[in-house]
Amino acid sequence: MRLFKRKNKFEAELVKVPKQEVEKIKLFTLLDLVQNGHLIGLKVKDYDSEDSMYRILEFENFRVHFSEWSEWTIRIDVYNGSESFEVYRSPGLKIDWYSSTVGLAQWEKGSLEVEWSQEGAWCSYILKKIKEEKQKLDLKRVSDKRIKELEEKQKEERLRRDNEEKKKDFNNLFQNKL
């Protein structure tokens, strides 16, 4: 609120401050971490059966559950010892595990981002941890890609040198025959 003085009168003007958007966790990010988290040392427990999949991505003081029966559900629980508390449950989801896609099931309404059912200090803690681990995974991918490119260049260089050497040897062989 701002106060102005105009001709011996005070007037108040309400100033609207834009609400700061709170960053949200995308469900695709959680899927990426549960599928590939083992590459960076994350604990991913696999409880798959013949007709369903169930994975748990475990962090310090919270777990992300991926369960599939007819539809997929993602659940986040905070825990301390043997006590746990559900803070997020997704609507019914269609997840293609092999092409890494996430969508809403046919009749479900909802979001493809985490919408907390219970809010508290854990929201920012979980967001921070998920972002950190996603960043580590992305850096690992970039590093692996660079290493692979370097290995391919080295392989090409070795092949080029071998070909040059063979070319020289065969050139000498045929020049001696002339």
N, C-alpha and C. Protein backbone atom coordinates (compact mmCIF):
# COMPACT_ATOMS: atom_id res chain seq x y z
N MET A 1 0.84 -1.16 0.00
CA MET A 1 0.00 0.00 0.00
C MET A 1 0.89 1.23 0.00
N ARG A 2 0.54 2.17 -0.85
CA ARG A 2 1.30 3.42 -0.90
C ARG A 2 0.40 4.54 -0.39
N LEU A 3 1.01 5.46 0.32
CA LEU A 3 0.26 6.63 0.79
C LEU A 3 0.72 7.85 0.00
N PHE A 4 -0.22 8.63 -0.46
CA PHE A 4 0.08 9.85 -1.20
C PHE A 4 -0.58 11.02 -0.49
N LYS A 5 0.06 12.17 -0.54
CA LYS A 5 -0.55 13.36 0.03
C LYS A 5 -0.89 14.29 -1.13
N ARG A 6 -2.16 14.56 -1.28
CA ARG A 6 -2.62 15.46 -2.33
C ARG A 6 -3.51 16.51 -1.69
N LYS A 7 -3.10 17.70 -1.80
CA LYS A 7 -3.87 18.85 -1.30
C LYS A 7 -4.45 18.59 0.08
N ASN A 8 -3.58 18.31 1.00
CA ASN A 8 -3.94 18.10 2.40
C ASN A 8 -4.85 16.90 2.64
N LYS A 9 -4.90 16.01 1.69
CA LYS A 9 -5.67 14.78 1.87
C LYS A 9 -4.72 13.60 1.66
N PHE A 10 -4.92 12.61 2.43
CA PHE A 10 -4.15 11.38 2.23
C PHE A 10 -5.01 10.38 1.47
N GLU A 11 -4.41 9.80 0.46
CA GLU A 11 -5.11 8.77 -0.31
C GLU A 11 -4.25 7.52 -0.30
N ALA A 12 -4.89 6.42 -0.30
CA ALA A 12 -4.18 5.14 -0.33
C ALA A 12 -4.43 4.45 -1.67
N GLU A 13 -3.38 3.88 -2.19
CA GLU A 13 -3.49 3.14 -3.45
C GLU A 13 -2.96 1.72 -3.21
N LEU A 14 -3.74 0.74 -3.56
CA LEU A 14 -3.30 -0.64 -3.42
C LEU A 14 -2.41 -1.01 -4.60
N VAL A 15 -1.27 -1.52 -4.28
CA VAL A 15 -0.33 -1.95 -5.31
C VAL A 15 -0.36 -3.48 -5.33
N LYS A 16 -0.67 -4.01 -6.49
CA LYS A 16 -0.72 -5.47 -6.61
C LYS A 16 0.68 -5.98 -6.93
N VAL A 17 1.16 -6.84 -6.08
CA VAL A 17 2.46 -7.47 -6.29
C VAL A 17 2.20 -8.82 -6.93
N PRO A 18 2.83 -9.06 -8.07
CA PRO A 18 2.58 -10.35 -8.72
C PRO A 18 3.02 -11.51 -7.83
N LYS A 19 2.17 -12.52 -7.76
CA LYS A 19 2.47 -13.68 -6.94
C LYS A 19 3.59 -14.47 -7.60
N GLN A 20 4.58 -14.83 -6.82
CA GLN A 20 5.72 -15.56 -7.35
C GLN A 20 5.31 -17.02 -7.60
N GLU A 21 5.58 -17.48 -8.82
CA GLU A 21 5.26 -18.86 -9.18
C GLU A 21 6.18 -19.82 -8.44
N VAL A 22 5.59 -20.75 -7.76
CA VAL A 22 6.36 -21.77 -7.07
C VAL A 22 6.71 -22.84 -8.09
N GLU A 23 7.97 -23.21 -8.12
CA GLU A 23 8.42 -24.23 -9.05
C GLU A 23 7.80 -25.57 -8.68
N LYS A 24 7.44 -26.34 -9.70
CA LYS A 24 6.80 -27.63 -9.46
C LYS A 24 7.66 -28.75 -10.04
N ILE A 25 7.45 -29.93 -9.52
CA ILE A 25 8.15 -31.11 -10.00
C ILE A 25 7.32 -31.73 -11.11
N LYS A 26 7.92 -31.95 -12.25
CA LYS A 26 7.23 -32.61 -13.36
C LYS A 26 7.26 -34.12 -13.13
N LEU A 27 6.16 -34.77 -13.44
CA LEU A 27 6.09 -36.22 -13.25
C LEU A 27 7.09 -36.94 -14.15
N PHE A 28 7.37 -36.35 -15.32
CA PHE A 28 8.38 -36.95 -16.20
C PHE A 28 9.74 -36.98 -15.52
N THR A 29 10.05 -35.95 -14.74
CA THR A 29 11.33 -35.91 -14.02
C THR A 29 11.41 -37.07 -13.03
N LEU A 30 10.30 -37.33 -12.33
CA LEU A 30 10.28 -38.46 -11.39
C LEU A 30 10.44 -39.79 -12.13
N LEU A 31 9.78 -39.92 -13.28
CA LEU A 31 9.92 -41.14 -14.08
C LEU A 31 11.37 -41.33 -14.53
N ASP A 32 11.98 -40.25 -14.98
CA ASP A 32 13.38 -40.31 -15.42
C ASP A 32 14.28 -40.77 -14.28
N LEU A 33 14.04 -40.24 -13.08
CA LEU A 33 14.88 -40.62 -11.93
C LEU A 33 14.66 -42.07 -11.52
N VAL A 34 13.40 -42.54 -11.55
CA VAL A 34 13.16 -43.92 -11.14
C VAL A 34 13.69 -44.90 -12.19
N GLN A 35 13.69 -44.52 -13.45
CA GLN A 35 14.22 -45.40 -14.49
C GLN A 35 15.74 -45.40 -14.55
N ASN A 36 16.35 -44.24 -14.35
CA ASN A 36 17.79 -44.10 -14.58
C ASN A 36 18.59 -43.68 -13.35
N GLY A 37 17.94 -43.58 -12.21
CA GLY A 37 18.62 -43.14 -10.99
C GLY A 37 19.77 -44.02 -10.58
N HIS A 38 19.71 -45.31 -10.94
CA HIS A 38 20.80 -46.22 -10.59
C HIS A 38 22.13 -45.78 -11.22
N LEU A 39 22.06 -45.01 -12.31
CA LEU A 39 23.29 -44.53 -12.97
C LEU A 39 24.07 -43.56 -12.09
N ILE A 40 23.36 -42.89 -11.18
CA ILE A 40 24.03 -41.93 -10.29
C ILE A 40 23.99 -42.39 -8.83
N GLY A 41 23.67 -43.65 -8.63
CA GLY A 41 23.72 -44.22 -7.28
C GLY A 41 22.47 -44.06 -6.45
N LEU A 42 21.34 -43.74 -7.05
CA LEU A 42 20.09 -43.64 -6.29
C LEU A 42 19.57 -45.04 -5.97
N LYS A 43 18.88 -45.15 -4.83
CA LYS A 43 18.29 -46.43 -4.43
C LYS A 43 16.94 -46.59 -5.12
N VAL A 44 16.86 -47.55 -6.02
CA VAL A 44 15.60 -47.86 -6.69
C VAL A 44 15.28 -49.31 -6.38
N LYS A 45 14.18 -49.52 -5.66
CA LYS A 45 13.77 -50.89 -5.31
C LYS A 45 12.74 -51.36 -6.33
N ASP A 46 12.90 -52.58 -6.77
CA ASP A 46 12.07 -53.16 -7.83
C ASP A 46 11.21 -54.27 -7.23
N TYR A 47 9.89 -54.07 -7.22
CA TYR A 47 8.96 -55.08 -6.71
C TYR A 47 8.01 -55.51 -7.82
N ASP A 48 8.52 -55.65 -9.04
CA ASP A 48 7.67 -56.02 -10.18
C ASP A 48 7.16 -57.45 -10.02
N SER A 49 5.96 -57.68 -10.57
CA SER A 49 5.42 -59.03 -10.64
C SER A 49 5.07 -59.31 -12.09
N GLU A 50 4.46 -60.45 -12.35
CA GLU A 50 4.12 -60.81 -13.73
C GLU A 50 3.16 -59.82 -14.38
N ASP A 51 2.20 -59.34 -13.60
CA ASP A 51 1.14 -58.52 -14.19
C ASP A 51 1.16 -57.06 -13.77
N SER A 52 2.16 -56.64 -13.04
CA SER A 52 2.23 -55.22 -12.65
C SER A 52 3.66 -54.82 -12.33
N MET A 53 3.87 -53.51 -12.31
CA MET A 53 5.19 -52.98 -11.96
C MET A 53 5.04 -52.15 -10.69
N TYR A 54 6.05 -52.20 -9.85
CA TYR A 54 6.05 -51.40 -8.63
C TYR A 54 7.50 -51.07 -8.31
N ARG A 55 7.83 -49.80 -8.35
CA ARG A 55 9.20 -49.35 -8.07
C ARG A 55 9.14 -48.28 -6.98
N ILE A 56 10.16 -48.26 -6.15
CA ILE A 56 10.27 -47.24 -5.11
C ILE A 56 11.64 -46.57 -5.26
N LEU A 57 11.60 -45.26 -5.39
CA LEU A 57 12.81 -44.45 -5.43
C LEU A 57 12.95 -43.86 -4.03
N GLU A 58 14.01 -44.24 -3.33
CA GLU A 58 14.13 -43.89 -1.92
C GLU A 58 15.20 -42.84 -1.69
N PHE A 59 14.81 -41.81 -0.96
CA PHE A 59 15.71 -40.74 -0.54
C PHE A 59 15.72 -40.71 0.98
N GLU A 60 16.52 -39.82 1.53
CA GLU A 60 16.52 -39.64 2.97
C GLU A 60 15.23 -38.92 3.35
N ASN A 61 14.39 -39.55 4.10
CA ASN A 61 13.13 -39.03 4.64
C ASN A 61 11.98 -38.89 3.64
N PHE A 62 12.13 -39.37 2.41
CA PHE A 62 10.96 -39.46 1.53
C PHE A 62 11.17 -40.52 0.46
N ARG A 63 10.04 -41.04 0.00
CA ARG A 63 10.05 -42.08 -1.03
C ARG A 63 9.08 -41.70 -2.13
N VAL A 64 9.45 -42.09 -3.35
CA VAL A 64 8.57 -41.90 -4.51
C VAL A 64 8.19 -43.29 -4.99
N HIS A 65 6.88 -43.59 -4.95
CA HIS A 65 6.37 -44.91 -5.35
C HIS A 65 5.76 -44.81 -6.75
N PHE A 66 6.13 -45.73 -7.61
CA PHE A 66 5.52 -45.88 -8.93
C PHE A 66 4.83 -47.23 -8.93
N SER A 67 3.51 -47.24 -9.07
CA SER A 67 2.81 -48.53 -9.11
C SER A 67 1.87 -48.57 -10.30
N GLU A 68 1.83 -49.74 -10.91
CA GLU A 68 1.00 -49.93 -12.09
C GLU A 68 0.14 -51.15 -11.88
N TRP A 69 -1.15 -50.95 -12.04
CA TRP A 69 -2.06 -52.08 -12.05
C TRP A 69 -2.78 -51.99 -13.39
N SER A 70 -3.87 -51.27 -13.47
CA SER A 70 -4.44 -51.00 -14.80
C SER A 70 -4.02 -49.60 -15.24
N GLU A 71 -3.85 -48.72 -14.28
CA GLU A 71 -3.32 -47.38 -14.53
C GLU A 71 -2.14 -47.19 -13.60
N TRP A 72 -1.34 -46.21 -13.92
CA TRP A 72 -0.18 -45.90 -13.09
C TRP A 72 -0.56 -44.90 -12.02
N THR A 73 0.07 -45.02 -10.87
CA THR A 73 -0.07 -44.06 -9.78
C THR A 73 1.32 -43.72 -9.27
N ILE A 74 1.53 -42.44 -9.03
CA ILE A 74 2.78 -42.00 -8.41
C ILE A 74 2.40 -41.44 -7.04
N ARG A 75 3.11 -41.87 -6.03
CA ARG A 75 2.82 -41.43 -4.67
C ARG A 75 4.13 -41.00 -4.01
N ILE A 76 4.07 -39.92 -3.25
CA ILE A 76 5.24 -39.47 -2.49
C ILE A 76 4.87 -39.52 -1.01
N ASP A 77 5.70 -40.19 -0.23
CA ASP A 77 5.52 -40.28 1.22
C ASP A 77 6.75 -39.69 1.89
N VAL A 78 6.52 -38.96 2.97
CA VAL A 78 7.63 -38.57 3.84
C VAL A 78 7.63 -39.58 4.99
N TYR A 79 8.80 -39.87 5.53
CA TYR A 79 8.85 -40.85 6.61
C TYR A 79 9.93 -40.49 7.61
N ASN A 80 9.75 -41.01 8.80
CA ASN A 80 10.73 -40.88 9.87
C ASN A 80 10.65 -42.18 10.66
N GLY A 81 11.64 -43.01 10.50
CA GLY A 81 11.61 -44.31 11.15
C GLY A 81 10.50 -45.16 10.55
N SER A 82 9.58 -45.62 11.40
CA SER A 82 8.49 -46.46 10.91
C SER A 82 7.23 -45.65 10.57
N GLU A 83 7.23 -44.37 10.89
CA GLU A 83 6.08 -43.52 10.58
C GLU A 83 6.21 -42.94 9.18
N SER A 84 5.09 -42.94 8.44
CA SER A 84 5.10 -42.32 7.12
C SER A 84 3.82 -41.51 6.93
N PHE A 85 3.87 -40.59 5.97
CA PHE A 85 2.77 -39.66 5.75
C PHE A 85 2.71 -39.36 4.26
N GLU A 86 1.58 -39.65 3.63
CA GLU A 86 1.42 -39.41 2.20
C GLU A 86 1.20 -37.92 1.94
N VAL A 87 2.03 -37.35 1.07
CA VAL A 87 1.93 -35.92 0.77
C VAL A 87 1.54 -35.65 -0.67
N TYR A 88 1.57 -36.70 -1.51
CA TYR A 88 1.15 -36.54 -2.91
C TYR A 88 0.70 -37.88 -3.46
N ARG A 89 -0.39 -37.85 -4.22
CA ARG A 89 -0.84 -39.01 -4.98
C ARG A 89 -1.34 -38.50 -6.32
N SER A 90 -0.82 -39.06 -7.38
CA SER A 90 -1.19 -38.61 -8.72
C SER A 90 -2.58 -39.12 -9.09
N PRO A 91 -3.18 -38.45 -10.07
CA PRO A 91 -4.38 -39.04 -10.65
C PRO A 91 -3.95 -40.27 -11.46
N GLY A 92 -4.92 -41.00 -12.01
CA GLY A 92 -4.57 -42.15 -12.85
C GLY A 92 -3.74 -41.69 -14.04
N LEU A 93 -2.64 -42.37 -14.28
CA LEU A 93 -1.71 -41.96 -15.34
C LEU A 93 -1.53 -43.07 -16.37
N LYS A 94 -1.21 -42.64 -17.57
CA LYS A 94 -0.75 -43.56 -18.61
C LYS A 94 0.74 -43.32 -18.74
N ILE A 95 1.52 -44.31 -18.39
CA ILE A 95 2.97 -44.20 -18.51
C ILE A 95 3.43 -45.30 -19.46
N ASP A 96 4.15 -44.89 -20.49
CA ASP A 96 4.79 -45.87 -21.36
C ASP A 96 6.22 -45.99 -20.85
N TRP A 97 6.47 -47.04 -20.12
CA TRP A 97 7.74 -47.23 -19.43
C TRP A 97 8.91 -47.27 -20.41
N TYR A 98 8.67 -47.83 -21.59
CA TYR A 98 9.77 -48.06 -22.53
C TYR A 98 10.06 -46.86 -23.42
N SER A 99 9.09 -45.98 -23.63
CA SER A 99 9.38 -44.76 -24.39
C SER A 99 9.43 -43.54 -23.47
N SER A 100 9.31 -43.78 -22.16
CA SER A 100 9.43 -42.73 -21.14
C SER A 100 8.47 -41.57 -21.36
N THR A 101 7.19 -41.89 -21.52
CA THR A 101 6.18 -40.85 -21.66
C THR A 101 5.18 -40.95 -20.52
N VAL A 102 4.66 -39.79 -20.13
CA VAL A 102 3.68 -39.71 -19.05
C VAL A 102 2.49 -38.92 -19.55
N GLY A 103 1.30 -39.43 -19.32
CA GLY A 103 0.08 -38.72 -19.69
C GLY A 103 -1.02 -39.07 -18.71
N LEU A 104 -2.09 -38.30 -18.76
CA LEU A 104 -3.23 -38.59 -17.90
C LEU A 104 -4.03 -39.73 -18.51
N ALA A 105 -4.60 -40.58 -17.65
CA ALA A 105 -5.45 -41.66 -18.13
C ALA A 105 -6.68 -41.05 -18.79
N GLN A 106 -7.39 -41.84 -19.53
CA GLN A 106 -8.46 -41.35 -20.41
C GLN A 106 -9.46 -40.42 -19.72
N TRP A 107 -9.96 -40.78 -18.57
CA TRP A 107 -11.04 -39.98 -17.96
C TRP A 107 -10.57 -39.14 -16.78
N GLU A 108 -9.31 -39.16 -16.50
CA GLU A 108 -8.80 -38.45 -15.33
C GLU A 108 -8.58 -36.97 -15.61
N LYS A 109 -8.80 -36.18 -14.58
CA LYS A 109 -8.45 -34.77 -14.63
C LYS A 109 -7.30 -34.59 -13.66
N GLY A 110 -6.42 -33.67 -13.96
CA GLY A 110 -5.30 -33.46 -13.06
C GLY A 110 -4.16 -32.79 -13.78
N SER A 111 -3.01 -32.90 -13.19
CA SER A 111 -1.83 -32.22 -13.70
C SER A 111 -0.71 -33.22 -13.89
N LEU A 112 0.20 -32.89 -14.80
CA LEU A 112 1.39 -33.71 -14.98
C LEU A 112 2.55 -33.15 -14.17
N GLU A 113 2.20 -32.39 -13.16
CA GLU A 113 3.17 -31.86 -12.19
C GLU A 113 2.68 -32.24 -10.80
N VAL A 114 3.59 -32.28 -9.86
CA VAL A 114 3.21 -32.63 -8.49
C VAL A 114 2.36 -31.50 -7.90
N GLU A 115 1.14 -31.85 -7.52
CA GLU A 115 0.24 -30.94 -6.81
C GLU A 115 0.10 -31.53 -5.41
N TRP A 116 0.72 -30.91 -4.43
CA TRP A 116 0.79 -31.47 -3.08
C TRP A 116 -0.60 -31.62 -2.47
N SER A 117 -0.89 -32.79 -1.91
CA SER A 117 -2.15 -32.98 -1.18
C SER A 117 -1.98 -32.48 0.25
N GLN A 118 -0.77 -32.52 0.75
CA GLN A 118 -0.44 -31.98 2.07
C GLN A 118 0.79 -31.10 1.91
N GLU A 119 0.69 -29.86 2.33
CA GLU A 119 1.82 -28.95 2.18
C GLU A 119 2.55 -28.76 3.50
N GLY A 120 3.83 -28.52 3.39
CA GLY A 120 4.66 -28.30 4.56
C GLY A 120 6.09 -28.05 4.11
N ALA A 121 7.00 -28.04 5.06
CA ALA A 121 8.41 -27.78 4.76
C ALA A 121 8.99 -28.83 3.83
N TRP A 122 8.40 -30.02 3.83
CA TRP A 122 8.90 -31.09 2.97
C TRP A 122 8.77 -30.76 1.49
N CYS A 123 7.82 -29.90 1.13
CA CYS A 123 7.62 -29.56 -0.29
C CYS A 123 8.90 -28.97 -0.89
N SER A 124 9.46 -27.97 -0.23
CA SER A 124 10.67 -27.34 -0.77
C SER A 124 11.87 -28.28 -0.63
N TYR A 125 11.91 -29.08 0.42
CA TYR A 125 13.00 -30.05 0.60
C TYR A 125 12.99 -31.08 -0.53
N ILE A 126 11.82 -31.63 -0.82
CA ILE A 126 11.69 -32.64 -1.87
C ILE A 126 12.02 -32.03 -3.22
N LEU A 127 11.49 -30.83 -3.49
CA LEU A 127 11.78 -30.14 -4.75
C LEU A 127 13.29 -29.96 -4.93
N LYS A 128 13.95 -29.51 -3.87
CA LYS A 128 15.40 -29.27 -3.93
C LYS A 128 16.15 -30.58 -4.22
N LYS A 129 15.80 -31.66 -3.51
CA LYS A 129 16.48 -32.95 -3.70
C LYS A 129 16.24 -33.50 -5.10
N ILE A 130 15.01 -33.40 -5.59
CA ILE A 130 14.69 -33.91 -6.93
C ILE A 130 15.46 -33.12 -7.98
N LYS A 131 15.51 -31.79 -7.82
CA LYS A 131 16.26 -30.95 -8.77
C LYS A 131 17.74 -31.31 -8.76
N GLU A 132 18.31 -31.50 -7.57
CA GLU A 132 19.73 -31.86 -7.45
C GLU A 132 20.02 -33.18 -8.16
N GLU A 133 19.18 -34.17 -7.90
CA GLU A 133 19.41 -35.49 -8.50
C GLU A 133 19.19 -35.47 -10.01
N LYS A 134 18.21 -34.71 -10.47
CA LYS A 134 17.97 -34.59 -11.91
C LYS A 134 19.17 -33.92 -12.57
N GLN A 135 19.72 -32.90 -11.91
CA GLN A 135 20.90 -32.21 -12.44
C GLN A 135 22.09 -33.17 -12.50
N LYS A 136 22.27 -33.99 -11.46
CA LYS A 136 23.35 -34.99 -11.47
C LYS A 136 23.17 -35.96 -12.63
N LEU A 137 21.93 -36.40 -12.84
CA LEU A 137 21.65 -37.35 -13.92
C LEU A 137 21.92 -36.72 -15.27
N ASP A 138 21.51 -35.47 -15.45
CA ASP A 138 21.76 -34.77 -16.71
C ASP A 138 23.26 -34.59 -16.95
N LEU A 139 24.00 -34.22 -15.89
CA LEU A 139 25.46 -34.08 -16.02
C LEU A 139 26.11 -35.42 -16.36
N LYS A 140 25.62 -36.49 -15.77
CA LYS A 140 26.14 -37.84 -16.06
C LYS A 140 25.91 -38.18 -17.53
N ARG A 141 24.74 -37.83 -18.04
CA ARG A 141 24.44 -38.10 -19.45
C ARG A 141 25.37 -37.31 -20.37
N VAL A 142 25.58 -36.03 -20.04
CA VAL A 142 26.48 -35.20 -20.85
C VAL A 142 27.89 -35.77 -20.80
N SER A 143 28.34 -36.13 -19.61
CA SER A 143 29.67 -36.70 -19.44
C SER A 143 29.80 -38.00 -20.23
N ASP A 144 28.81 -38.88 -20.12
CA ASP A 144 28.84 -40.14 -20.86
C ASP A 144 28.86 -39.90 -22.36
N LYS A 145 28.11 -38.91 -22.81
CA LYS A 145 28.07 -38.59 -24.24
C LYS A 145 29.44 -38.10 -24.71
N ARG A 146 30.07 -37.23 -23.91
CA ARG A 146 31.41 -36.74 -24.26
C ARG A 146 32.43 -37.88 -24.31
N ILE A 147 32.36 -38.76 -23.33
CA ILE A 147 33.28 -39.90 -23.29
C ILE A 147 33.08 -40.77 -24.52
N LYS A 148 31.83 -41.03 -24.87
CA LYS A 148 31.53 -41.85 -26.05
C LYS A 148 32.05 -41.19 -27.32
N GLU A 149 31.83 -39.88 -27.45
CA GLU A 149 32.32 -39.15 -28.63
C GLU A 149 33.84 -39.20 -28.70
N LEU A 150 34.50 -39.03 -27.55
CA LEU A 150 35.96 -39.09 -27.51
C LEU A 150 36.46 -40.48 -27.91
N GLU A 151 35.81 -41.52 -27.39
CA GLU A 151 36.20 -42.89 -27.75
C GLU A 151 36.01 -43.13 -29.24
N GLU A 152 34.91 -42.62 -29.81
CA GLU A 152 34.67 -42.78 -31.24
C GLU A 152 35.74 -42.05 -32.06
N LYS A 153 36.12 -40.85 -31.63
CA LYS A 153 37.17 -40.11 -32.33
C LYS A 153 38.50 -40.86 -32.26
N GLN A 154 38.81 -41.40 -31.09
CA GLN A 154 40.05 -42.16 -30.93
C GLN A 154 40.03 -43.41 -31.81
N LYS A 155 38.88 -44.06 -31.88
CA LYS A 155 38.75 -45.25 -32.72
C LYS A 155 38.93 -44.89 -34.19
N GLU A 156 38.31 -43.79 -34.61
CA GLU A 156 38.46 -43.32 -36.00
C GLU A 156 39.92 -42.98 -36.30
N GLU A 157 40.58 -42.33 -35.35
CA GLU A 157 41.99 -41.95 -35.53
C GLU A 157 42.87 -43.20 -35.64
N ARG A 158 42.63 -44.20 -34.80
CA ARG A 158 43.39 -45.46 -34.89
C ARG A 158 43.16 -46.14 -36.23
N LEU A 159 41.92 -46.16 -36.67
CA LEU A 159 41.57 -46.76 -37.95
C LEU A 159 42.26 -46.02 -39.10
N ARG A 160 42.26 -44.70 -39.03
CA ARG A 160 42.92 -43.88 -40.05
C ARG A 160 44.42 -44.17 -40.08
N ARG A 161 45.04 -44.22 -38.89
CA ARG A 161 46.48 -44.52 -38.82
C ARG A 161 46.78 -45.92 -39.35
N ASP A 162 45.95 -46.89 -38.96
CA ASP A 162 46.14 -48.26 -39.46
C ASP A 162 46.02 -48.32 -40.98
N ASN A 163 45.03 -47.61 -41.51
CA ASN A 163 44.85 -47.57 -42.97
C ASN A 163 46.03 -46.90 -43.66
N GLU A 164 46.54 -45.84 -43.08
CA GLU A 164 47.71 -45.16 -43.65
C GLU A 164 48.92 -46.09 -43.65
N GLU A 165 49.09 -46.81 -42.55
CA GLU A 165 50.22 -47.74 -42.45
C GLU A 165 50.08 -48.88 -43.46
N LYS A 166 48.88 -49.43 -43.58
CA LYS A 166 48.65 -50.50 -44.55
C LYS A 166 48.85 -49.99 -45.97
N LYS A 167 48.37 -48.78 -46.21
CA LYS A 167 48.53 -48.17 -47.53
C LYS A 167 50.02 -48.06 -47.88
N LYS A 168 50.80 -47.60 -46.91
CA LYS A 168 52.24 -47.43 -47.10
C LYS A 168 52.91 -48.79 -47.35
N ASP A 169 52.55 -49.80 -46.54
CA ASP A 169 53.12 -51.14 -46.69
C ASP A 169 52.79 -51.75 -48.06
N PHE A 170 51.54 -51.65 -48.45
CA PHE A 170 51.14 -52.23 -49.73
C PHE A 170 51.72 -51.43 -50.90
N ASN A 171 51.84 -50.15 -50.72
CA ASN A 171 52.46 -49.32 -51.75
C ASN A 171 53.91 -49.77 -51.96
N ASN A 172 54.64 -49.98 -50.87
CA ASN A 172 56.03 -50.46 -50.96
C ASN A 172 56.09 -51.84 -51.60
N LEU A 173 55.17 -52.72 -51.24
CA LEU A 173 55.15 -54.07 -51.79
C LEU A 173 54.99 -54.05 -53.31
N PHE A 174 54.04 -53.26 -53.77
CA PHE A 174 53.78 -53.23 -55.21
C PHE A 174 54.84 -52.43 -55.96
N GLN A 175 55.47 -51.47 -55.34
CA GLN A 175 56.56 -50.75 -56.01
C GLN A 175 57.77 -51.66 -56.19
N ASN A 176 58.01 -52.54 -55.23
CA ASN A 176 59.12 -53.50 -55.34
C ASN A 176 58.86 -54.52 -56.45
N LYS A 177 57.61 -54.81 -56.75
CA LYS A 177 57.27 -55.78 -57.80
C LYS A 177 57.40 -55.17 -59.18
N LEU A 178 57.42 -53.85 -59.29
CA LEU A 178 57.52 -53.20 -60.61
C LEU A 178 58.90 -53.20 -61.12
